Amino acid sequence: MSYSLSGLLLAWQDEAAFRQEVILAIVLVPVAFMVPVGVTQRVLLVASVMLVLVVEMINSAIEATVDRVSLDIHPLAKKAKDMGSAAVLLALTNAVLTWTMILWSLG
């Protein structure tokens, strides 16, 4: 557990994108409990936000590992970093679509 808490603290200290996404989660998770939706929809709202945080941390780990191996510019390093970044984009897109579809259905 101490390694996990250390990882969270390091992500908060070193990763601006993670801090921004945590702030977004601090806003959106309570909102998910305020909107009049069923349990399944509420779980989807919260899970989509949490997924963004998980993928961001995995992306940060990939970037740190690639940088540890070598700071030289290499096509495989670029590929790993770009794919990690794309995973974050997909997670964010998933969250936006999930929130949009659920909130739209309330209208």
N, C-alpha and C. Protein backbone atom coordinates (compact mmCIF):
# COMPACT_ATOMS: atom_id res chain seq x y z
N MET A 1 0.81 -1.20 0.00
CA MET A 1 0.00 0.00 0.00
C MET A 1 0.86 1.27 0.00
N SER A 2 2.00 1.19 0.66
CA SER A 2 2.84 2.40 0.71
C SER A 2 3.38 2.74 -0.68
N TYR A 3 3.64 1.71 -1.51
CA TYR A 3 4.09 1.99 -2.88
C TYR A 3 2.99 2.68 -3.68
N SER A 4 1.76 2.25 -3.45
CA SER A 4 0.62 2.85 -4.16
C SER A 4 0.44 4.31 -3.77
N LEU A 5 0.51 4.58 -2.47
CA LEU A 5 0.38 5.96 -2.00
C LEU A 5 1.53 6.82 -2.50
N SER A 6 2.72 6.23 -2.54
CA SER A 6 3.88 6.94 -3.08
C SER A 6 3.67 7.28 -4.55
N GLY A 7 3.11 6.31 -5.30
CA GLY A 7 2.83 6.54 -6.72
C GLY A 7 1.83 7.66 -6.93
N LEU A 8 0.78 7.67 -6.11
CA LEU A 8 -0.22 8.75 -6.20
C LEU A 8 0.41 10.10 -5.89
N LEU A 9 1.22 10.14 -4.85
CA LEU A 9 1.87 11.39 -4.47
C LEU A 9 2.82 11.87 -5.56
N LEU A 10 3.59 10.96 -6.13
CA LEU A 10 4.51 11.33 -7.21
C LEU A 10 3.75 11.84 -8.43
N ALA A 11 2.65 11.17 -8.76
CA ALA A 11 1.85 11.63 -9.90
C ALA A 11 1.32 13.03 -9.64
N TRP A 12 0.86 13.28 -8.43
CA TRP A 12 0.34 14.61 -8.08
C TRP A 12 1.46 15.66 -8.17
N GLN A 13 2.64 15.32 -7.65
CA GLN A 13 3.75 16.28 -7.61
C GLN A 13 4.35 16.55 -8.99
N ASP A 14 4.45 15.51 -9.81
CA ASP A 14 5.23 15.61 -11.04
C ASP A 14 4.42 15.76 -12.32
N GLU A 15 3.14 15.47 -12.28
CA GLU A 15 2.35 15.42 -13.52
C GLU A 15 1.22 16.43 -13.50
N ALA A 16 1.38 17.51 -14.26
CA ALA A 16 0.35 18.56 -14.31
C ALA A 16 -0.97 18.01 -14.85
N ALA A 17 -0.90 17.15 -15.85
CA ALA A 17 -2.13 16.59 -16.42
C ALA A 17 -2.89 15.78 -15.37
N PHE A 18 -2.16 15.03 -14.55
CA PHE A 18 -2.81 14.24 -13.49
C PHE A 18 -3.50 15.17 -12.49
N ARG A 19 -2.83 16.25 -12.11
CA ARG A 19 -3.45 17.22 -11.18
C ARG A 19 -4.73 17.80 -11.77
N GLN A 20 -4.69 18.15 -13.04
CA GLN A 20 -5.88 18.71 -13.70
C GLN A 20 -7.01 17.68 -13.71
N GLU A 21 -6.68 16.44 -13.98
CA GLU A 21 -7.71 15.39 -14.04
C GLU A 21 -8.25 15.07 -12.66
N VAL A 22 -7.42 15.16 -11.63
CA VAL A 22 -7.90 14.96 -10.26
C VAL A 22 -8.88 16.07 -9.89
N ILE A 23 -8.55 17.29 -10.24
CA ILE A 23 -9.46 18.41 -9.96
C ILE A 23 -10.78 18.20 -10.69
N LEU A 24 -10.72 17.75 -11.92
CA LEU A 24 -11.93 17.44 -12.67
C LEU A 24 -12.73 16.34 -11.96
N ALA A 25 -12.04 15.34 -11.45
CA ALA A 25 -12.72 14.25 -10.74
C ALA A 25 -13.36 14.76 -9.45
N ILE A 26 -12.68 15.67 -8.76
CA ILE A 26 -13.23 16.24 -7.52
C ILE A 26 -14.54 16.97 -7.80
N VAL A 27 -14.66 17.53 -8.98
CA VAL A 27 -15.90 18.21 -9.37
C VAL A 27 -16.94 17.20 -9.86
N LEU A 28 -16.53 16.31 -10.76
CA LEU A 28 -17.50 15.44 -11.44
C LEU A 28 -18.05 14.31 -10.58
N VAL A 29 -17.25 13.72 -9.72
CA VAL A 29 -17.75 12.59 -8.93
C VAL A 29 -18.91 13.02 -8.02
N PRO A 30 -18.81 14.13 -7.29
CA PRO A 30 -19.99 14.56 -6.52
C PRO A 30 -21.20 14.88 -7.41
N VAL A 31 -20.95 15.45 -8.57
CA VAL A 31 -22.05 15.75 -9.50
C VAL A 31 -22.74 14.45 -9.90
N ALA A 32 -21.97 13.39 -10.09
CA ALA A 32 -22.55 12.09 -10.46
C ALA A 32 -23.54 11.60 -9.40
N PHE A 33 -23.33 11.99 -8.16
CA PHE A 33 -24.24 11.58 -7.09
C PHE A 33 -25.42 12.54 -6.92
N MET A 34 -25.37 13.65 -7.61
CA MET A 34 -26.45 14.63 -7.52
C MET A 34 -27.46 14.52 -8.65
N VAL A 35 -27.03 14.01 -9.80
CA VAL A 35 -27.95 13.92 -10.93
C VAL A 35 -28.92 12.76 -10.71
N PRO A 36 -30.15 12.94 -11.15
CA PRO A 36 -31.17 11.92 -10.93
C PRO A 36 -31.09 10.77 -11.94
N VAL A 37 -30.16 9.85 -11.69
CA VAL A 37 -29.98 8.70 -12.58
C VAL A 37 -29.98 7.43 -11.74
N GLY A 38 -30.10 6.30 -12.41
CA GLY A 38 -30.07 5.02 -11.73
C GLY A 38 -28.66 4.63 -11.31
N VAL A 39 -28.58 3.55 -10.57
CA VAL A 39 -27.29 3.09 -10.05
C VAL A 39 -26.32 2.76 -11.18
N THR A 40 -26.78 2.09 -12.20
CA THR A 40 -25.89 1.70 -13.31
C THR A 40 -25.33 2.94 -14.00
N GLN A 41 -26.17 3.92 -14.26
CA GLN A 41 -25.69 5.14 -14.90
C GLN A 41 -24.72 5.90 -13.99
N ARG A 42 -24.99 5.91 -12.70
CA ARG A 42 -24.11 6.59 -11.75
C ARG A 42 -22.73 5.91 -11.73
N VAL A 43 -22.75 4.58 -11.74
CA VAL A 43 -21.48 3.84 -11.77
C VAL A 43 -20.71 4.17 -13.05
N LEU A 44 -21.39 4.24 -14.17
CA LEU A 44 -20.73 4.58 -15.43
C LEU A 44 -20.13 5.98 -15.39
N LEU A 45 -20.84 6.92 -14.80
CA LEU A 45 -20.33 8.29 -14.70
C LEU A 45 -19.04 8.32 -13.88
N VAL A 46 -19.08 7.69 -12.71
CA VAL A 46 -17.90 7.69 -11.84
C VAL A 46 -16.76 6.88 -12.47
N ALA A 47 -17.08 5.71 -13.01
CA ALA A 47 -16.04 4.86 -13.59
C ALA A 47 -15.35 5.52 -14.77
N SER A 48 -16.09 6.26 -15.57
CA SER A 48 -15.47 6.91 -16.72
C SER A 48 -14.46 7.96 -16.27
N VAL A 49 -14.73 8.63 -15.17
CA VAL A 49 -13.79 9.63 -14.64
C VAL A 49 -12.58 8.94 -14.02
N MET A 50 -12.82 7.87 -13.27
CA MET A 50 -11.72 7.15 -12.64
C MET A 50 -10.81 6.50 -13.69
N LEU A 51 -11.40 6.04 -14.79
CA LEU A 51 -10.60 5.44 -15.86
C LEU A 51 -9.58 6.44 -16.41
N VAL A 52 -9.98 7.69 -16.52
CA VAL A 52 -9.05 8.72 -17.00
C VAL A 52 -7.83 8.80 -16.08
N LEU A 53 -8.07 8.77 -14.76
CA LEU A 53 -6.96 8.85 -13.80
C LEU A 53 -6.05 7.63 -13.92
N VAL A 54 -6.65 6.46 -14.05
CA VAL A 54 -5.86 5.22 -14.17
C VAL A 54 -4.99 5.26 -15.42
N VAL A 55 -5.59 5.61 -16.54
CA VAL A 55 -4.84 5.62 -17.80
C VAL A 55 -3.75 6.69 -17.78
N GLU A 56 -4.04 7.83 -17.16
CA GLU A 56 -3.02 8.89 -17.05
C GLU A 56 -1.82 8.39 -16.25
N MET A 57 -2.07 7.65 -15.19
CA MET A 57 -0.95 7.14 -14.39
C MET A 57 -0.15 6.10 -15.17
N ILE A 58 -0.83 5.25 -15.92
CA ILE A 58 -0.12 4.27 -16.75
C ILE A 58 0.71 4.99 -17.82
N ASN A 59 0.15 6.02 -18.42
CA ASN A 59 0.88 6.81 -19.41
C ASN A 59 2.12 7.44 -18.78
N SER A 60 1.98 7.98 -17.59
CA SER A 60 3.12 8.58 -16.91
C SER A 60 4.19 7.54 -16.60
N ALA A 61 3.76 6.34 -16.23
CA ALA A 61 4.71 5.26 -15.96
C ALA A 61 5.46 4.86 -17.23
N ILE A 62 4.75 4.80 -18.34
CA ILE A 62 5.38 4.48 -19.63
C ILE A 62 6.43 5.54 -19.96
N GLU A 63 6.04 6.80 -19.81
CA GLU A 63 6.96 7.89 -20.13
C GLU A 63 8.20 7.85 -19.24
N ALA A 64 8.01 7.59 -17.94
CA ALA A 64 9.15 7.53 -17.02
C ALA A 64 10.06 6.35 -17.37
N THR A 65 9.48 5.23 -17.73
CA THR A 65 10.28 4.06 -18.09
C THR A 65 11.08 4.31 -19.35
N VAL A 66 10.44 4.88 -20.35
CA VAL A 66 11.14 5.18 -21.61
C VAL A 66 12.28 6.16 -21.34
N ASP A 67 12.03 7.19 -20.53
CA ASP A 67 13.07 8.17 -20.23
C ASP A 67 14.20 7.56 -19.41
N ARG A 68 13.88 6.58 -18.57
CA ARG A 68 14.91 5.91 -17.75
C ARG A 68 15.84 5.09 -18.64
N VAL A 69 15.26 4.44 -19.64
CA VAL A 69 16.06 3.61 -20.53
C VAL A 69 17.02 4.46 -21.34
N SER A 70 16.50 5.57 -21.89
CA SER A 70 17.36 6.45 -22.69
C SER A 70 16.63 7.75 -22.98
N LEU A 71 17.37 8.83 -22.92
CA LEU A 71 16.81 10.12 -23.29
C LEU A 71 17.03 10.43 -24.77
N ASP A 72 17.70 9.52 -25.47
CA ASP A 72 17.90 9.68 -26.91
C ASP A 72 16.57 9.61 -27.63
N ILE A 73 16.48 10.37 -28.71
CA ILE A 73 15.27 10.32 -29.54
C ILE A 73 15.34 9.03 -30.35
N HIS A 74 14.29 8.22 -30.22
CA HIS A 74 14.26 6.93 -30.93
C HIS A 74 12.82 6.68 -31.38
N PRO A 75 12.63 6.12 -32.56
CA PRO A 75 11.27 5.87 -33.06
C PRO A 75 10.43 5.01 -32.11
N LEU A 76 11.03 4.02 -31.46
CA LEU A 76 10.26 3.17 -30.56
C LEU A 76 9.87 3.92 -29.27
N ALA A 77 10.74 4.81 -28.81
CA ALA A 77 10.40 5.64 -27.65
C ALA A 77 9.23 6.56 -27.99
N LYS A 78 9.29 7.15 -29.16
CA LYS A 78 8.19 8.02 -29.62
C LYS A 78 6.90 7.23 -29.73
N LYS A 79 7.00 6.03 -30.28
CA LYS A 79 5.82 5.18 -30.44
C LYS A 79 5.19 4.88 -29.09
N ALA A 80 5.99 4.49 -28.11
CA ALA A 80 5.48 4.16 -26.78
C ALA A 80 4.81 5.37 -26.14
N LYS A 81 5.48 6.51 -26.22
CA LYS A 81 4.92 7.72 -25.60
C LYS A 81 3.66 8.19 -26.33
N ASP A 82 3.66 8.14 -27.64
CA ASP A 82 2.49 8.57 -28.41
C ASP A 82 1.29 7.66 -28.15
N MET A 83 1.55 6.35 -28.05
CA MET A 83 0.46 5.42 -27.80
C MET A 83 -0.10 5.60 -26.38
N GLY A 84 0.76 5.88 -25.42
CA GLY A 84 0.29 6.17 -24.07
C GLY A 84 -0.57 7.41 -24.04
N SER A 85 -0.13 8.43 -24.77
CA SER A 85 -0.90 9.67 -24.87
C SER A 85 -2.24 9.43 -25.55
N ALA A 86 -2.24 8.61 -26.58
CA ALA A 86 -3.48 8.28 -27.29
C ALA A 86 -4.45 7.54 -26.37
N ALA A 87 -3.92 6.69 -25.49
CA ALA A 87 -4.77 5.98 -24.54
C ALA A 87 -5.47 6.96 -23.61
N VAL A 88 -4.75 7.99 -23.17
CA VAL A 88 -5.36 9.02 -22.33
C VAL A 88 -6.45 9.74 -23.10
N LEU A 89 -6.18 10.07 -24.36
CA LEU A 89 -7.18 10.74 -25.19
C LEU A 89 -8.43 9.88 -25.33
N LEU A 90 -8.26 8.58 -25.54
CA LEU A 90 -9.42 7.69 -25.65
C LEU A 90 -10.20 7.62 -24.34
N ALA A 91 -9.49 7.59 -23.22
CA ALA A 91 -10.17 7.56 -21.92
C ALA A 91 -10.95 8.85 -21.69
N LEU A 92 -10.37 9.98 -22.06
CA LEU A 92 -11.07 11.26 -21.93
C LEU A 92 -12.28 11.31 -22.86
N THR A 93 -12.12 10.81 -24.07
CA THR A 93 -13.24 10.77 -25.02
C THR A 93 -14.36 9.88 -24.48
N ASN A 94 -13.98 8.75 -23.91
CA ASN A 94 -14.96 7.86 -23.29
C ASN A 94 -15.73 8.58 -22.18
N ALA A 95 -15.03 9.33 -21.34
CA ALA A 95 -15.69 10.05 -20.25
C ALA A 95 -16.65 11.11 -20.80
N VAL A 96 -16.21 11.85 -21.79
CA VAL A 96 -17.07 12.89 -22.37
C VAL A 96 -18.31 12.26 -22.99
N LEU A 97 -18.14 11.20 -23.75
CA LEU A 97 -19.29 10.54 -24.38
C LEU A 97 -20.23 9.93 -23.34
N THR A 98 -19.67 9.31 -22.32
CA THR A 98 -20.51 8.72 -21.27
C THR A 98 -21.34 9.79 -20.58
N TRP A 99 -20.68 10.85 -20.15
CA TRP A 99 -21.41 11.94 -19.47
C TRP A 99 -22.43 12.58 -20.40
N THR A 100 -22.05 12.81 -21.65
CA THR A 100 -22.97 13.45 -22.60
C THR A 100 -24.20 12.59 -22.84
N MET A 101 -23.99 11.30 -23.08
CA MET A 101 -25.14 10.43 -23.37
C MET A 101 -26.06 10.29 -22.15
N ILE A 102 -25.49 10.15 -20.98
CA ILE A 102 -26.33 9.99 -19.79
C ILE A 102 -27.07 11.28 -19.46
N LEU A 103 -26.37 12.40 -19.51
CA LEU A 103 -27.04 13.66 -19.19
C LEU A 103 -28.04 14.03 -20.28
N TRP A 104 -27.74 13.70 -21.53
CA TRP A 104 -28.66 13.97 -22.65
C TRP A 104 -29.97 13.20 -22.45
N SER A 105 -29.85 11.99 -21.94
CA SER A 105 -31.05 11.16 -21.74
C SER A 105 -31.97 11.72 -20.67
N LEU A 106 -31.45 12.60 -19.82
CA LEU A 106 -32.28 13.22 -18.79
C LEU A 106 -33.15 14.33 -19.35
N GLY A 107 -32.69 14.90 -20.45
CA GLY A 107 -33.33 16.08 -21.04
C GLY A 107 -34.68 15.83 -21.54
